[in-house]
Amino acid sequence: MASSKQYLDFILEQLSSLKNITYRAMMGEYIIYYQGKIVGGIYDDRFLVKPTKSAVAMMPNATMELPYKGAKEMLLVDEVDNREFLKELLEVMYDELPAPKRKK
């Protein structure tokens, strides 16, 4: 099942207090970037983030879910209605995320 543009728009609105939030459509899903780094994505209308130490610490009871078959597990963000929580989550994750790969 592909994610809806409406759910993407909702998540982008929830993250609107952060600068440099971008996304890229990929096979019916959406990859979410924060300041050029991949933080997670929208998969089957679920907001999933990379399981960094900070993200796990902020969401100790979050379930690990597969974004798609064959992928690594990611953390399911349940508190998508809480803008302040989402802002803090992405900010604390940022330093732990790998730098973007250089294009050849």
Protein backbone atom coordinates (compact mmCIF):
# COMPACT_ATOMS: atom_id res chain seq x y z
CA MET A 1 0.00 0.00 0.00
CA ALA A 2 1.44 3.38 -0.95
CA SER A 3 1.34 6.36 1.37
CA SER A 4 -1.11 9.16 0.75
CA LYS A 5 -0.09 12.69 -0.15
CA GLN A 6 -2.47 13.86 2.60
CA TYR A 7 -0.48 12.00 5.28
CA LEU A 8 2.78 13.40 3.90
CA ASP A 9 1.30 16.91 4.01
CA PHE A 10 0.16 16.33 7.61
CA ILE A 11 3.65 15.23 8.71
CA LEU A 12 5.30 18.12 6.85
CA GLU A 13 2.93 20.54 8.60
CA GLN A 14 3.79 18.97 11.96
CA LEU A 15 7.50 19.47 11.18
CA SER A 16 7.05 23.01 9.83
CA SER A 17 8.82 24.64 12.79
CA LEU A 18 12.08 23.01 11.65
CA LYS A 19 14.14 24.57 8.89
CA ASN A 20 15.29 22.58 5.89
CA ILE A 21 12.74 19.75 5.99
CA THR A 22 12.52 18.19 2.55
CA TYR A 23 11.22 14.97 1.10
CA ARG A 24 11.66 12.77 -1.92
CA ALA A 25 9.03 10.47 -3.38
CA MET A 26 10.24 6.93 -3.89
CA MET A 27 8.08 4.05 -5.11
CA GLY A 28 4.86 5.38 -3.58
CA GLU A 29 6.52 6.28 -0.29
CA TYR A 30 8.38 9.38 0.94
CA ILE A 31 11.90 9.79 2.34
CA ILE A 32 12.13 12.64 4.88
CA TYR A 33 15.30 14.75 5.13
CA TYR A 34 16.33 17.17 7.85
CA GLN A 35 19.14 19.56 6.87
CA GLY A 36 20.14 17.18 4.09
CA LYS A 37 20.27 14.03 6.23
CA ILE A 38 17.76 11.18 5.99
CA VAL A 39 15.84 10.94 9.28
CA GLY A 40 13.23 8.44 8.14
CA GLY A 41 10.20 8.35 5.97
CA ILE A 42 6.52 7.83 5.41
CA TYR A 43 5.74 4.19 4.68
CA ASP A 44 2.16 2.90 4.40
CA ASP A 45 0.97 6.10 6.11
CA ARG A 46 3.30 5.53 9.08
CA PHE A 47 6.07 7.93 10.11
CA LEU A 48 9.18 5.83 10.76
CA VAL A 49 12.58 7.16 11.85
CA LYS A 50 16.05 5.68 12.01
CA PRO A 51 16.73 3.98 15.36
CA THR A 52 19.48 6.29 16.62
CA LYS A 53 20.42 6.16 20.31
CA SER A 54 18.68 9.49 20.91
CA ALA A 55 15.49 8.40 19.14
CA VAL A 56 15.37 5.16 21.13
CA ALA A 57 15.94 7.12 24.35
CA MET A 58 13.07 9.50 23.52
CA MET A 59 10.74 6.66 22.53
CA PRO A 60 11.74 3.68 24.72
CA ASN A 61 8.42 1.89 24.12
CA ALA A 62 8.26 2.49 20.37
CA THR A 63 7.81 -0.54 18.18
CA MET A 64 10.34 -1.46 15.53
CA GLU A 65 8.70 -1.93 12.14
CA LEU A 66 9.80 -2.73 8.63
CA PRO A 67 9.22 0.12 6.18
CA TYR A 68 9.10 -2.44 3.36
CA LYS A 69 10.16 -6.03 2.74
CA GLY A 70 13.93 -6.45 2.92
CA ALA A 71 14.60 -3.14 4.70
CA LYS A 72 16.11 -2.53 8.12
CA GLU A 73 13.69 -1.99 10.98
CA MET A 74 12.85 1.56 11.96
CA LEU A 75 11.10 3.16 14.93
CA LEU A 76 7.39 3.89 14.59
CA VAL A 77 6.60 7.44 15.76
CA ASP A 78 3.28 7.35 17.60
CA GLU A 79 3.28 10.98 18.77
CA VAL A 80 2.73 12.54 15.35
CA ASP A 81 0.17 14.96 16.82
CA ASN A 82 2.79 16.48 19.14
CA ARG A 83 4.72 19.11 17.15
CA GLU A 84 7.15 19.93 19.96
CA PHE A 85 8.01 16.26 20.43
CA LEU A 86 8.65 15.81 16.69
CA LYS A 87 10.84 18.93 16.58
CA GLU A 88 12.91 17.74 19.54
CA LEU A 89 13.14 14.21 18.13
CA LEU A 90 14.63 15.31 14.81
CA GLU A 91 16.94 17.82 16.49
CA VAL A 92 18.43 15.23 18.87
CA MET A 93 18.77 12.66 16.09
CA TYR A 94 20.61 15.00 13.71
CA ASP A 95 24.17 14.62 15.02
CA GLU A 96 23.88 10.82 15.04
CA LEU A 97 22.77 10.57 11.43
CA PRO A 98 25.31 9.84 8.72
CA ALA A 99 26.35 12.65 6.40
CA PRO A 100 24.71 12.61 3.00
CA LYS A 101 26.56 10.60 0.37
CA ARG A 102 28.29 12.66 -2.28
CA LYS A 103 26.93 12.34 -5.78
CA LYS A 104 29.39 11.17 -8.40
